Amino acid sequence: MTNIVKEAQVLYDAKGKKTHVLLPFKTYEKLLDYLEDLEDFQAMKEAEHEKSIPWAEAKKKLLRRKK
């Protein structure tokens, strides 16, 4: 992640206010992948304490809904 900071270019407006960040495209893709993984991890942590049911039971429920 620290390489992203090294590769980033900050763009400023006429008043000197930071307005944009310019990244190499590959770095941008890596950043998106990292954020996606982080979202997945957070979802796993949230679901960790949820009650689970056996697949056979879930499958039966899904098939009943289909009818």
C-alpha atoms as a PDB file:
ATOM      1  CA  MET A   1       0.000   0.000   0.000  1.00  0.00           C
ATOM      2  CA  THR A   2       2.834   2.427   0.663  1.00  0.00           C
ATOM      3  CA  ASN A   3       3.879   2.210  -2.995  1.00  0.00           C
ATOM      4  CA  ILE A   4       0.551   3.777  -3.933  1.00  0.00           C
ATOM      5  CA  VAL A   5       1.457   6.902  -2.019  1.00  0.00           C
ATOM      6  CA  LYS A   6       4.831   7.045  -3.764  1.00  0.00           C
ATOM      7  CA  GLU A   7       3.224   6.736  -7.216  1.00  0.00           C
ATOM      8  CA  ALA A   8       0.365   9.168  -6.589  1.00  0.00           C
ATOM      9  CA  GLN A   9       0.422  12.687  -7.971  1.00  0.00           C
ATOM     10  CA  VAL A  10      -1.749  15.249  -6.238  1.00  0.00           C
ATOM     11  CA  LEU A  11      -3.387  17.877  -8.441  1.00  0.00           C
ATOM     12  CA  TYR A  12      -4.267  21.340  -7.160  1.00  0.00           C
ATOM     13  CA  ASP A  13      -6.686  24.034  -8.253  1.00  0.00           C
ATOM     14  CA  ALA A  14      -5.749  27.696  -8.762  1.00  0.00           C
ATOM     15  CA  LYS A  15      -6.186  28.379  -5.032  1.00  0.00           C
ATOM     16  CA  GLY A  16      -3.784  25.598  -4.065  1.00  0.00           C
ATOM     17  CA  LYS A  17      -6.533  23.282  -2.831  1.00  0.00           C
ATOM     18  CA  LYS A  18      -6.020  19.553  -3.445  1.00  0.00           C
ATOM     19  CA  THR A  19      -8.614  18.433  -5.979  1.00  0.00           C
ATOM     20  CA  HIS A  20      -7.544  15.119  -7.561  1.00  0.00           C
ATOM     21  CA  VAL A  21      -5.084  12.266  -7.301  1.00  0.00           C
ATOM     22  CA  LEU A  22      -3.467  10.809 -10.394  1.00  0.00           C
ATOM     23  CA  LEU A  23      -2.400   7.141 -10.262  1.00  0.00           C
ATOM     24  CA  PRO A  24      -0.921   4.712 -12.778  1.00  0.00           C
ATOM     25  CA  PHE A  25      -3.743   2.490 -14.062  1.00  0.00           C
ATOM     26  CA  LYS A  26      -2.220  -0.736 -12.679  1.00  0.00           C
ATOM     27  CA  THR A  27      -1.957   0.890  -9.259  1.00  0.00           C
ATOM     28  CA  TYR A  28      -5.588   1.975  -9.513  1.00  0.00           C
ATOM     29  CA  GLU A  29      -6.607  -1.625 -10.312  1.00  0.00           C
ATOM     30  CA  LYS A  30      -4.611  -2.925  -7.342  1.00  0.00           C
ATOM     31  CA  LEU A  31      -6.308  -0.380  -5.119  1.00  0.00           C
ATOM     32  CA  LEU A  32      -9.746  -1.487  -6.323  1.00  0.00           C
ATOM     33  CA  ASP A  33      -8.830  -5.136  -5.710  1.00  0.00           C
ATOM     34  CA  TYR A  34      -7.638  -4.261  -2.206  1.00  0.00           C
ATOM     35  CA  LEU A  35     -10.881  -2.409  -1.431  1.00  0.00           C
ATOM     36  CA  GLU A  36     -12.934  -5.314  -2.773  1.00  0.00           C
ATOM     37  CA  ASP A  37     -11.009  -7.749  -0.573  1.00  0.00           C
ATOM     38  CA  LEU A  38     -11.541  -5.447   2.405  1.00  0.00           C
ATOM     39  CA  GLU A  39     -15.304  -5.366   1.768  1.00  0.00           C
ATOM     40  CA  ASP A  40     -15.353  -9.174   1.524  1.00  0.00           C
ATOM     41  CA  PHE A  41     -13.416  -9.455   4.787  1.00  0.00           C
ATOM     42  CA  GLN A  42     -15.822  -7.086   6.544  1.00  0.00           C
ATOM     43  CA  ALA A  43     -18.813  -9.067   5.268  1.00  0.00           C
ATOM     44  CA  MET A  44     -17.216 -12.288   6.559  1.00  0.00           C
ATOM     45  CA  LYS A  45     -16.638 -10.722   9.971  1.00  0.00           C
ATOM     46  CA  GLU A  46     -20.264  -9.555  10.131  1.00  0.00           C
ATOM     47  CA  ALA A  47     -21.568 -12.986   9.117  1.00  0.00           C
ATOM     48  CA  GLU A  48     -19.281 -14.773  11.572  1.00  0.00           C
ATOM     49  CA  HIS A  49     -21.858 -14.655  14.355  1.00  0.00           C
ATOM     50  CA  GLU A  50     -24.887 -15.452  12.224  1.00  0.00           C
ATOM     51  CA  LYS A  51     -26.585 -18.788  12.641  1.00  0.00           C
ATOM     52  CA  SER A  52     -25.878 -21.164   9.759  1.00  0.00           C
ATOM     53  CA  ILE A  53     -27.967 -24.043   8.463  1.00  0.00           C
ATOM     54  CA  PRO A  54     -26.919 -27.221   6.661  1.00  0.00           C
ATOM     55  CA  TRP A  55     -26.803 -27.019   2.848  1.00  0.00           C
ATOM     56  CA  ALA A  56     -29.465 -29.732   2.448  1.00  0.00           C
ATOM     57  CA  GLU A  57     -31.914 -27.675   4.528  1.00  0.00           C
ATOM     58  CA  ALA A  58     -31.119 -24.466   2.645  1.00  0.00           C
ATOM     59  CA  LYS A  59     -31.561 -26.257  -0.674  1.00  0.00           C
ATOM     60  CA  LYS A  60     -35.000 -27.550   0.379  1.00  0.00           C
ATOM     61  CA  LYS A  61     -36.077 -24.034   1.371  1.00  0.00           C
ATOM     62  CA  LEU A  62     -34.892 -22.609  -1.940  1.00  0.00           C
ATOM     63  CA  LEU A  63     -36.688 -25.294  -3.939  1.00  0.00           C
ATOM     64  CA  ARG A  64     -39.921 -24.648  -2.002  1.00  0.00           C
ATOM     65  CA  ARG A  65     -39.691 -20.922  -2.838  1.00  0.00           C
ATOM     66  CA  LYS A  66     -39.272 -21.745  -6.511  1.00  0.00           C
ATOM     67  CA  LYS A  67     -42.700 -23.448  -6.740  1.00  0.00           C
END
